[in-house]
Amino acid sequence: MSQERLMNVLLAPHISEKSARISESDNQLVFRVRRDASAPDVKAAVELMFEVKVAKVNVVNVAGKVKRFGQRLGRRQDYKKAYVSLAPGQSIDLSGAEA
């Protein structure tokens, strides 16, 4: 897979209480990824962009919620997220704080 394609696989870090908890305890990170991305694609993209060793990747399809907009029903878009387990001794700082 080309480097240009790999640079577009990761969309954003998925920030939530659950992702913060597993980040601290299990050395995992959660990313929103393209809907056509596979686990090997995500692994290669993380290793390329952050220069770390990835132990394993789990990919989850998340269905969009049905929401009301006034009298009309609408639906949020489906998306995919990836749980990335880093190898022991590896870490990524996604806080963006410069020390």
PDB file of N, CA and C in Angstrom:
ATOM      1  N   MET A   1       0.835  -1.174   0.000  1.00  0.00           N
ATOM      2  CA  MET A   1       0.000   0.000   0.000  1.00  0.00           C
ATOM      3  C   MET A   1       0.886   1.246   0.000  1.00  0.00           C
ATOM      4  N   SER A   2       0.502   2.258  -0.740  1.00  0.00           N
ATOM      5  CA  SER A   2       1.323   3.458  -0.871  1.00  0.00           C
ATOM      6  C   SER A   2       1.285   4.289   0.407  1.00  0.00           C
ATOM      7  N   GLN A   3       2.320   5.103   0.593  1.00  0.00           N
ATOM      8  CA  GLN A   3       2.392   5.943   1.787  1.00  0.00           C
ATOM      9  C   GLN A   3       1.301   7.005   1.794  1.00  0.00           C
ATOM     10  N   GLU A   4       0.921   7.505   0.616  1.00  0.00           N
ATOM     11  CA  GLU A   4      -0.157   8.494   0.550  1.00  0.00           C
ATOM     12  C   GLU A   4      -1.462   7.911   1.060  1.00  0.00           C
ATOM     13  N   ARG A   5      -1.751   6.688   0.670  1.00  0.00           N
ATOM     14  CA  ARG A   5      -2.978   6.012   1.120  1.00  0.00           C
ATOM     15  C   ARG A   5      -2.925   5.766   2.625  1.00  0.00           C
ATOM     16  N   LEU A   6      -1.755   5.344   3.132  1.00  0.00           N
ATOM     17  CA  LEU A   6      -1.622   5.084   4.564  1.00  0.00           C
ATOM     18  C   LEU A   6      -1.782   6.358   5.382  1.00  0.00           C
ATOM     19  N   MET A   7      -1.341   7.494   4.859  1.00  0.00           N
ATOM     20  CA  MET A   7      -1.463   8.754   5.586  1.00  0.00           C
ATOM     21  C   MET A   7      -2.920   9.189   5.720  1.00  0.00           C
ATOM     22  N   ASN A   8      -3.812   8.647   4.879  1.00  0.00           N
ATOM     23  CA  ASN A   8      -5.226   9.012   4.923  1.00  0.00           C
ATOM     24  C   ASN A   8      -6.091   7.996   5.658  1.00  0.00           C
ATOM     25  N   VAL A   9      -5.506   6.929   6.179  1.00  0.00           N
ATOM     26  CA  VAL A   9      -6.287   5.891   6.861  1.00  0.00           C
ATOM     27  C   VAL A   9      -6.801   6.396   8.210  1.00  0.00           C
ATOM     28  N   LEU A  10      -5.934   7.021   9.010  1.00  0.00           N
ATOM     29  CA  LEU A  10      -6.331   7.532  10.321  1.00  0.00           C
ATOM     30  C   LEU A  10      -6.986   8.900  10.148  1.00  0.00           C
ATOM     31  N   LEU A  11      -8.197   9.048  10.684  1.00  0.00           N
ATOM     32  CA  LEU A  11      -8.898  10.324  10.572  1.00  0.00           C
ATOM     33  C   LEU A  11      -8.662  11.206  11.795  1.00  0.00           C
ATOM     34  N   ALA A  12      -8.793  10.619  12.995  1.00  0.00           N
ATOM     35  CA  ALA A  12      -8.625  11.392  14.229  1.00  0.00           C
ATOM     36  C   ALA A  12      -8.562  10.439  15.403  1.00  0.00           C
ATOM     37  N   PRO A  13      -7.965  10.886  16.510  1.00  0.00           N
ATOM     38  CA  PRO A  13      -8.062  10.072  17.712  1.00  0.00           C
ATOM     39  C   PRO A  13      -9.488  10.140  18.248  1.00  0.00           C
ATOM     40  N   HIS A  14      -9.983   9.039  18.765  1.00  0.00           N
ATOM     41  CA  HIS A  14     -11.341   8.988  19.324  1.00  0.00           C
ATOM     42  C   HIS A  14     -11.214   9.227  20.824  1.00  0.00           C
ATOM     43  N   ILE A  15     -11.656  10.391  21.278  1.00  0.00           N
ATOM     44  CA  ILE A  15     -11.504  10.773  22.679  1.00  0.00           C
ATOM     45  C   ILE A  15     -12.827  10.540  23.401  1.00  0.00           C
ATOM     46  N   SER A  16     -12.777   9.682  24.419  1.00  0.00           N
ATOM     47  CA  SER A  16     -13.940   9.414  25.260  1.00  0.00           C
ATOM     48  C   SER A  16     -13.444   8.916  26.613  1.00  0.00           C
ATOM     49  N   GLU A  17     -14.364   8.731  27.537  1.00  0.00           N
ATOM     50  CA  GLU A  17     -13.963   8.208  28.849  1.00  0.00           C
ATOM     51  C   GLU A  17     -13.405   6.799  28.720  1.00  0.00           C
ATOM     52  N   LYS A  18     -14.042   5.996  27.890  1.00  0.00           N
ATOM     53  CA  LYS A  18     -13.579   4.618  27.707  1.00  0.00           C
ATOM     54  C   LYS A  18     -12.187   4.597  27.082  1.00  0.00           C
ATOM     55  N   SER A  19     -11.955   5.416  26.076  1.00  0.00           N
ATOM     56  CA  SER A  19     -10.638   5.412  25.428  1.00  0.00           C
ATOM     57  C   SER A  19      -9.559   5.922  26.383  1.00  0.00           C
ATOM     58  N   ALA A  20      -9.885   6.878  27.253  1.00  0.00           N
ATOM     59  CA  ALA A  20      -8.913   7.355  28.235  1.00  0.00           C
ATOM     60  C   ALA A  20      -8.588   6.260  29.248  1.00  0.00           C
ATOM     61  N   ARG A  21      -9.603   5.505  29.654  1.00  0.00           N
ATOM     62  CA  ARG A  21      -9.402   4.436  30.634  1.00  0.00           C
ATOM     63  C   ARG A  21      -8.516   3.326  30.067  1.00  0.00           C
ATOM     64  N   ILE A  22      -8.793   2.886  28.846  1.00  0.00           N
ATOM     65  CA  ILE A  22      -7.979   1.803  28.274  1.00  0.00           C
ATOM     66  C   ILE A  22      -6.592   2.288  27.876  1.00  0.00           C
ATOM     67  N   SER A  23      -6.460   3.577  27.603  1.00  0.00           N
ATOM     68  CA  SER A  23      -5.146   4.136  27.297  1.00  0.00           C
ATOM     69  C   SER A  23      -4.232   4.046  28.518  1.00  0.00           C
ATOM     70  N   GLU A  24      -4.787   4.330  29.688  1.00  0.00           N
ATOM     71  CA  GLU A  24      -3.996   4.284  30.913  1.00  0.00           C
ATOM     72  C   GLU A  24      -3.698   2.853  31.354  1.00  0.00           C
ATOM     73  N   SER A  25      -4.690   1.967  31.249  1.00  0.00           N
ATOM     74  CA  SER A  25      -4.530   0.631  31.822  1.00  0.00           C
ATOM     75  C   SER A  25      -3.921  -0.385  30.857  1.00  0.00           C
ATOM     76  N   ASP A  26      -4.302  -0.361  29.588  1.00  0.00           N
ATOM     77  CA  ASP A  26      -3.922  -1.426  28.660  1.00  0.00           C
ATOM     78  C   ASP A  26      -2.930  -1.017  27.583  1.00  0.00           C
ATOM     79  N   ASN A  27      -2.437   0.240  27.604  1.00  0.00           N
ATOM     80  CA  ASN A  27      -1.511   0.731  26.584  1.00  0.00           C
ATOM     81  C   ASN A  27      -2.118   0.612  25.185  1.00  0.00           C
ATOM     82  N   GLN A  28      -3.407   1.010  25.087  1.00  0.00           N
ATOM     83  CA  GLN A  28      -4.111   1.001  23.809  1.00  0.00           C
ATOM     84  C   GLN A  28      -4.510   2.421  23.445  1.00  0.00           C
ATOM     85  N   LEU A  29      -4.670   2.651  22.144  1.00  0.00           N
ATOM     86  CA  LEU A  29      -5.160   3.923  21.624  1.00  0.00           C
ATOM     87  C   LEU A  29      -6.368   3.643  20.745  1.00  0.00           C
ATOM     88  N   VAL A  30      -7.251   4.626  20.630  1.00  0.00           N
ATOM     89  CA  VAL A  30      -8.443   4.465  19.804  1.00  0.00           C
ATOM     90  C   VAL A  30      -8.437   5.567  18.746  1.00  0.00           C
ATOM     91  N   PHE A  31      -8.612   5.172  17.492  1.00  0.00           N
ATOM     92  CA  PHE A  31      -8.634   6.110  16.376  1.00  0.00           C
ATOM     93  C   PHE A  31      -9.904   5.923  15.564  1.00  0.00           C
ATOM     94  N   ARG A  32     -10.441   7.020  15.035  1.00  0.00           N
ATOM     95  CA  ARG A  32     -11.455   6.921  13.986  1.00  0.00           C
ATOM     96  C   ARG A  32     -10.704   6.708  12.688  1.00  0.00           C
ATOM     97  N   VAL A  33     -11.148   5.743  11.899  1.00  0.00           N
ATOM     98  CA  VAL A  33     -10.455   5.404  10.658  1.00  0.00           C
ATOM     99  C   VAL A  33     -11.449   5.420   9.501  1.00  0.00           C
ATOM    100  N   ARG A  34     -10.904   5.377   8.291  1.00  0.00           N
ATOM    101  CA  ARG A  34     -11.756   5.332   7.101  1.00  0.00           C
ATOM    102  C   ARG A  34     -12.601   4.067   7.125  1.00  0.00           C
ATOM    103  N   ARG A  35     -13.785   4.142   6.539  1.00  0.00           N
ATOM    104  CA  ARG A  35     -14.688   2.989   6.574  1.00  0.00           C
ATOM    105  C   ARG A  35     -14.201   1.827   5.719  1.00  0.00           C
ATOM    106  N   ASP A  36     -13.293   2.075   4.789  1.00  0.00           N
ATOM    107  CA  ASP A  36     -12.777   0.985   3.960  1.00  0.00           C
ATOM    108  C   ASP A  36     -11.422   0.470   4.462  1.00  0.00           C
ATOM    109  N   ALA A  37     -10.980   0.918   5.636  1.00  0.00           N
ATOM    110  CA  ALA A  37      -9.688   0.511   6.173  1.00  0.00           C
ATOM    111  C   ALA A  37      -9.787  -0.853   6.849  1.00  0.00           C
ATOM    112  N   SER A  38      -8.747  -1.658   6.686  1.00  0.00           N
ATOM    113  CA  SER A  38      -8.679  -2.959   7.341  1.00  0.00           C
ATOM    114  C   SER A  38      -7.669  -2.887   8.488  1.00  0.00           C
ATOM    115  N   ALA A  39      -7.621  -3.927   9.300  1.00  0.00           N
ATOM    116  CA  ALA A  39      -6.695  -3.954  10.432  1.00  0.00           C
ATOM    117  C   ALA A  39      -5.231  -3.848   9.985  1.00  0.00           C
ATOM    118  N   PRO A  40      -4.803  -4.573   8.935  1.00  0.00           N
ATOM    119  CA  PRO A  40      -3.409  -4.394   8.483  1.00  0.00           C
ATOM    120  C   PRO A  40      -3.116  -2.973   7.987  1.00  0.00           C
ATOM    121  N   ASP A  41      -4.114  -2.322   7.374  1.00  0.00           N
ATOM    122  CA  ASP A  41      -3.941  -0.936   6.937  1.00  0.00           C
ATOM    123  C   ASP A  41      -3.706  -0.017   8.133  1.00  0.00           C
ATOM    124  N   VAL A  42      -4.512  -0.200   9.182  1.00  0.00           N
ATOM    125  CA  VAL A  42      -4.396   0.642  10.373  1.00  0.00           C
ATOM    126  C   VAL A  42      -3.045   0.410  11.045  1.00  0.00           C
ATOM    127  N   LYS A  43      -2.624  -0.844  11.145  1.00  0.00           N
ATOM    128  CA  LYS A  43      -1.335  -1.158  11.761  1.00  0.00           C
ATOM    129  C   LYS A  43      -0.198  -0.479  11.003  1.00  0.00           C
ATOM    130  N   ALA A  44      -0.206  -0.589   9.693  1.00  0.00           N
ATOM    131  CA  ALA A  44       0.847   0.029   8.886  1.00  0.00           C
ATOM    132  C   ALA A  44       0.822   1.553   9.003  1.00  0.00           C
ATOM    133  N   ALA A  45      -0.371   2.144   9.064  1.00  0.00           N
ATOM    134  CA  ALA A  45      -0.494   3.595   9.160  1.00  0.00           C
ATOM    135  C   ALA A  45       0.035   4.112  10.495  1.00  0.00           C
ATOM    136  N   VAL A  46      -0.299   3.426  11.591  1.00  0.00           N
ATOM    137  CA  VAL A  46       0.173   3.858  12.911  1.00  0.00           C
ATOM    138  C   VAL A  46       1.684   3.710  13.000  1.00  0.00           C
ATOM    139  N   GLU A  47       2.215   2.605  12.505  1.00  0.00           N
ATOM    140  CA  GLU A  47       3.667   2.410  12.550  1.00  0.00           C
ATOM    141  C   GLU A  47       4.391   3.441  11.689  1.00  0.00           C
ATOM    142  N   LEU A  48       3.808   3.830  10.567  1.00  0.00           N
ATOM    143  CA  LEU A  48       4.424   4.830   9.695  1.00  0.00           C
ATOM    144  C   LEU A  48       4.363   6.229  10.310  1.00  0.00           C
ATOM    145  N   MET A  49       3.196   6.616  10.823  1.00  0.00           N
ATOM    146  CA  MET A  49       3.009   7.984  11.292  1.00  0.00           C
ATOM    147  C   MET A  49       3.645   8.263  12.650  1.00  0.00           C
ATOM    148  N   PHE A  50       3.607   7.303  13.559  1.00  0.00           N
ATOM    149  CA  PHE A  50       4.088   7.545  14.921  1.00  0.00           C
ATOM    150  C   PHE A  50       5.402   6.847  15.241  1.00  0.00           C
ATOM    151  N   GLU A  51       5.909   6.024  14.318  1.00  0.00           N
ATOM    152  CA  GLU A  51       7.183   5.314  14.480  1.00  0.00           C
ATOM    153  C   GLU A  51       7.219   4.502  15.765  1.00  0.00           C
ATOM    154  N   VAL A  52       6.190   3.693  15.975  1.00  0.00           N
ATOM    155  CA  VAL A  52       6.096   2.783  17.117  1.00  0.00           C
ATOM    156  C   VAL A  52       5.822   1.383  16.602  1.00  0.00           C
ATOM    157  N   LYS A  53       5.961   0.397  17.460  1.00  0.00           N
ATOM    158  CA  LYS A  53       5.660  -0.997  17.124  1.00  0.00           C
ATOM    159  C   LYS A  53       4.265  -1.327  17.633  1.00  0.00           C
ATOM    160  N   VAL A  54       3.404  -1.822  16.747  1.00  0.00           N
ATOM    161  CA  VAL A  54       2.025  -2.161  17.093  1.00  0.00           C
ATOM    162  C   VAL A  54       1.931  -3.658  17.335  1.00  0.00           C
ATOM    163  N   ALA A  55       1.332  -4.034  18.460  1.00  0.00           N
ATOM    164  CA  ALA A  55       1.169  -5.447  18.792  1.00  0.00           C
ATOM    165  C   ALA A  55      -0.065  -6.032  18.115  1.00  0.00           C
ATOM    166  N   LYS A  56      -1.210  -5.314  18.194  1.00  0.00           N
ATOM    167  CA  LYS A  56      -2.436  -5.841  17.594  1.00  0.00           C
ATOM    168  C   LYS A  56      -3.417  -4.722  17.345  1.00  0.00           C
ATOM    169  N   VAL A  57      -4.348  -4.970  16.419  1.00  0.00           N
ATOM    170  CA  VAL A  57      -5.366  -3.983  16.057  1.00  0.00           C
ATOM    171  C   VAL A  57      -6.723  -4.670  16.008  1.00  0.00           C
ATOM    172  N   ASN A  58      -7.709  -4.070  16.671  1.00  0.00           N
ATOM    173  CA  ASN A  58      -9.096  -4.515  16.568  1.00  0.00           C
ATOM    174  C   ASN A  58      -9.894  -3.400  15.909  1.00  0.00           C
ATOM    175  N   VAL A  59     -10.695  -3.740  14.900  1.00  0.00           N
ATOM    176  CA  VAL A  59     -11.472  -2.755  14.159  1.00  0.00           C
ATOM    177  C   VAL A  59     -12.955  -2.991  14.429  1.00  0.00           C
ATOM    178  N   VAL A  60     -13.687  -1.888  14.694  1.00  0.00           N
ATOM    179  CA  VAL A  60     -15.094  -1.973  15.058  1.00  0.00           C
ATOM    180  C   VAL A  60     -15.903  -1.052  14.143  1.00  0.00           C
ATOM    181  N   ASN A  61     -16.992  -1.582  13.568  1.00  0.00           N
ATOM    182  CA  ASN A  61     -17.939  -0.755  12.829  1.00  0.00           C
ATOM    183  C   ASN A  61     -18.967  -0.221  13.807  1.00  0.00           C
ATOM    184  N   VAL A  62     -19.180   1.101  13.808  1.00  0.00           N
ATOM    185  CA  VAL A  62     -20.130   1.732  14.712  1.00  0.00           C
ATOM    186  C   VAL A  62     -21.295   2.253  13.886  1.00  0.00           C
ATOM    187  N   ALA A  63     -22.496   1.811  14.224  1.00  0.00           N
ATOM    188  CA  ALA A  63     -23.690   2.252  13.504  1.00  0.00           C
ATOM    189  C   ALA A  63     -24.107   3.632  14.000  1.00  0.00           C
ATOM    190  N   GLY A  64     -24.519   4.485  13.074  1.00  0.00           N
ATOM    191  CA  GLY A  64     -24.973   5.819  13.428  1.00  0.00           C
ATOM    192  C   GLY A  64     -26.311   5.770  14.139  1.00  0.00           C
ATOM    193  N   LYS A  65     -26.527   6.711  15.044  1.00  0.00           N
ATOM    194  CA  LYS A  65     -27.763   6.753  15.819  1.00  0.00           C
ATOM    195  C   LYS A  65     -28.876   7.415  15.016  1.00  0.00           C
ATOM    196  N   VAL A  66     -30.103   7.020  15.311  1.00  0.00           N
ATOM    197  CA  VAL A  66     -31.270   7.687  14.739  1.00  0.00           C
ATOM    198  C   VAL A  66     -31.636   8.834  15.672  1.00  0.00           C
ATOM    199  N   LYS A  67     -31.720  10.035  15.140  1.00  0.00           N
ATOM    200  CA  LYS A  67     -32.013  11.225  15.928  1.00  0.00           C
ATOM    201  C   LYS A  67     -33.184  11.970  15.312  1.00  0.00           C
ATOM    202  N   ARG A  68     -33.878  12.724  16.147  1.00  0.00           N
ATOM    203  CA  ARG A  68     -34.977  13.561  15.656  1.00  0.00           C
ATOM    204  C   ARG A  68     -34.467  14.970  15.404  1.00  0.00           C
ATOM    205  N   PHE A  69     -34.913  15.552  14.312  1.00  0.00           N
ATOM    206  CA  PHE A  69     -34.650  16.946  14.008  1.00  0.00           C
ATOM    207  C   PHE A  69     -36.007  17.600  13.814  1.00  0.00           C
ATOM    208  N   GLY A  70     -36.581  18.098  14.910  1.00  0.00           N
ATOM    209  CA  GLY A  70     -37.939  18.621  14.854  1.00  0.00           C
ATOM    210  C   GLY A  70     -38.903  17.466  14.658  1.00  0.00           C
ATOM    211  N   GLN A  71     -39.693  17.537  13.602  1.00  0.00           N
ATOM    212  CA  GLN A  71     -40.642  16.462  13.323  1.00  0.00           C
ATOM    213  C   GLN A  71     -40.047  15.374  12.444  1.00  0.00           C
ATOM    214  N   ARG A  72     -38.893  15.608  11.923  1.00  0.00           N
ATOM    215  CA  ARG A  72     -38.277  14.648  11.001  1.00  0.00           C
ATOM    216  C   ARG A  72     -37.277  13.754  11.733  1.00  0.00           C
ATOM    217  N   LEU A  73     -37.172  12.522  11.246  1.00  0.00           N
ATOM    218  CA  LEU A  73     -36.169  11.616  11.751  1.00  0.00           C
ATOM    219  C   LEU A  73     -34.934  11.720  10.871  1.00  0.00           C
ATOM    220  N   GLY A  74     -33.795  11.760  11.497  1.00  0.00           N
ATOM    221  CA  GLY A  74     -32.538  11.790  10.769  1.00  0.00           C
ATOM    222  C   GLY A  74     -31.652  10.681  11.292  1.00  0.00           C
ATOM    223  N   ARG A  75     -30.542  10.481  10.628  1.00  0.00           N
ATOM    224  CA  ARG A  75     -29.639   9.421  11.042  1.00  0.00           C
ATOM    225  C   ARG A  75     -28.215   9.917  10.935  1.00  0.00           C
ATOM    226  N   ARG A  76     -27.442   9.712  12.007  1.00  0.00           N
ATOM    227  CA  ARG A  76     -26.029  10.063  11.958  1.00  0.00           C
ATOM    228  C   ARG A  76     -25.289   9.048  11.103  1.00  0.00           C
ATOM    229  N   GLN A  77     -24.149   9.459  10.612  1.00  0.00           N
ATOM    230  CA  GLN A  77     -23.380   8.625   9.702  1.00  0.00           C
ATOM    231  C   GLN A  77     -22.694   7.479  10.450  1.00  0.00           C
ATOM    232  N   ASP A  78     -22.621   6.314   9.810  1.00  0.00           N
ATOM    233  CA  ASP A  78     -21.857   5.196  10.356  1.00  0.00           C
ATOM    234  C   ASP A  78     -20.370   5.535  10.273  1.00  0.00           C
ATOM    235  N   TYR A  79     -19.584   4.958  11.192  1.00  0.00           N
ATOM    236  CA  TYR A  79     -18.144   5.152  11.134  1.00  0.00           C
ATOM    237  C   TYR A  79     -17.443   3.911  11.656  1.00  0.00           C
ATOM    238  N   LYS A  80     -16.140   3.906  11.512  1.00  0.00           N
ATOM    239  CA  LYS A  80     -15.319   2.778  11.943  1.00  0.00           C
ATOM    240  C   LYS A  80     -14.249   3.311  12.887  1.00  0.00           C
ATOM    241  N   LYS A  81     -13.977   2.548  13.945  1.00  0.00           N
ATOM    242  CA  LYS A  81     -12.891   2.930  14.842  1.00  0.00           C
ATOM    243  C   LYS A  81     -11.988   1.734  15.079  1.00  0.00           C
ATOM    244  N   ALA A  82     -10.745   2.030  15.426  1.00  0.00           N
ATOM    245  CA  ALA A  82      -9.738   0.984  15.602  1.00  0.00           C
ATOM    246  C   ALA A  82      -9.113   1.111  16.982  1.00  0.00           C
ATOM    247  N   TYR A  83      -9.049  -0.017  17.690  1.00  0.00           N
ATOM    248  CA  TYR A  83      -8.350  -0.113  18.968  1.00  0.00           C
ATOM    249  C   TYR A  83      -6.952  -0.648  18.662  1.00  0.00           C
ATOM    250  N   VAL A  84      -5.938   0.154  18.918  1.00  0.00           N
ATOM    251  CA  VAL A  84      -4.559  -0.191  18.586  1.00  0.00           C
ATOM    252  C   VAL A  84      -3.800  -0.497  19.871  1.00  0.00           C
ATOM    253  N   SER A  85      -3.319  -1.735  20.006  1.00  0.00           N
ATOM    254  CA  SER A  85      -2.500  -2.129  21.157  1.00  0.00           C
ATOM    255  C   SER A  85      -1.034  -1.969  20.785  1.00  0.00           C
ATOM    256  N   LEU A  86      -0.326  -1.207  21.590  1.00  0.00           N
ATOM    257  CA  LEU A  86       1.095  -0.979  21.334  1.00  0.00           C
ATOM    258  C   LEU A  86       1.930  -2.067  21.993  1.00  0.00           C
ATOM    259  N   ALA A  87       3.081  -2.326  21.437  1.00  0.00           N
ATOM    260  CA  ALA A  87       4.011  -3.293  22.003  1.00  0.00           C
ATOM    261  C   ALA A  87       4.525  -2.767  23.346  1.00  0.00           C
ATOM    262  N   PRO A  88       4.945  -3.660  24.243  1.00  0.00           N
ATOM    263  CA  PRO A  88       5.470  -3.210  25.542  1.00  0.00           C
ATOM    264  C   PRO A  88       6.644  -2.251  25.364  1.00  0.00           C
ATOM    265  N   GLY A  89       6.621  -1.178  26.152  1.00  0.00           N
ATOM    266  CA  GLY A  89       7.681  -0.179  26.075  1.00  0.00           C
ATOM    267  C   GLY A  89       7.419   0.926  25.068  1.00  0.00           C
ATOM    268  N   GLN A  90       6.379   0.820  24.268  1.00  0.00           N
ATOM    269  CA  GLN A  90       6.050   1.826  23.261  1.00  0.00           C
ATOM    270  C   GLN A  90       4.963   2.754  23.817  1.00  0.00           C
ATOM    271  N   SER A  91       4.960   4.027  23.392  1.00  0.00           N
ATOM    272  CA  SER A  91       3.912   4.951  23.804  1.00  0.00           C
ATOM    273  C   SER A  91       3.791   6.068  22.776  1.00  0.00           C
ATOM    274  N   ILE A  92       2.591   6.649  22.740  1.00  0.00           N
ATOM    275  CA  ILE A  92       2.291   7.785  21.873  1.00  0.00           C
ATOM    276  C   ILE A  92       1.605   8.831  22.742  1.00  0.00           C
ATOM    277  N   ASP A  93       2.022  10.078  22.642  1.00  0.00           N
ATOM    278  CA  ASP A  93       1.391  11.167  23.392  1.00  0.00           C
ATOM    279  C   ASP A  93       0.460  11.916  22.441  1.00  0.00           C
ATOM    280  N   LEU A  94      -0.862  11.736  22.624  1.00  0.00           N
ATOM    281  CA  LEU A  94      -1.841  12.396  21.774  1.00  0.00           C
ATOM    282  C   LEU A  94      -2.407  13.642  22.410  1.00  0.00           C
ATOM    283  N   SER A  95      -1.907  14.036  23.584  1.00  0.00           N
ATOM    284  CA  SER A  95      -2.462  15.195  24.279  1.00  0.00           C
ATOM    285  C   SER A  95      -2.156  16.507  23.570  1.00  0.00           C
ATOM    286  N   GLY A  96      -1.085  16.527  22.784  1.00  0.00           N
ATOM    287  CA  GLY A  96      -0.729  17.734  22.056  1.00  0.00           C
ATOM    288  C   GLY A  96      -0.010  18.776  22.905  1.00  0.00           C
ATOM    289  N   ALA A  97       0.235  18.462  24.175  1.00  0.00           N
ATOM    290  CA  ALA A  97       0.929  19.402  25.062  1.00  0.00           C
ATOM    291  C   ALA A  97       2.426  19.338  24.817  1.00  0.00           C
ATOM    292  N   GLU A  98       3.016  20.487  24.643  1.00  0.00           N
ATOM    293  CA  GLU A  98       4.459  20.561  24.443  1.00  0.00           C
ATOM    294  C   GLU A  98       5.115  20.721  25.811  1.00  0.00           C
ATOM    295  N   ALA A  99       6.092  19.898  26.098  1.00  0.00           N
ATOM    296  CA  ALA A  99       6.754  19.972  27.407  1.00  0.00           C
ATOM    297  C   ALA A  99       8.101  20.643  27.306  1.00  0.00           C
TER     298      ALA A  99
END
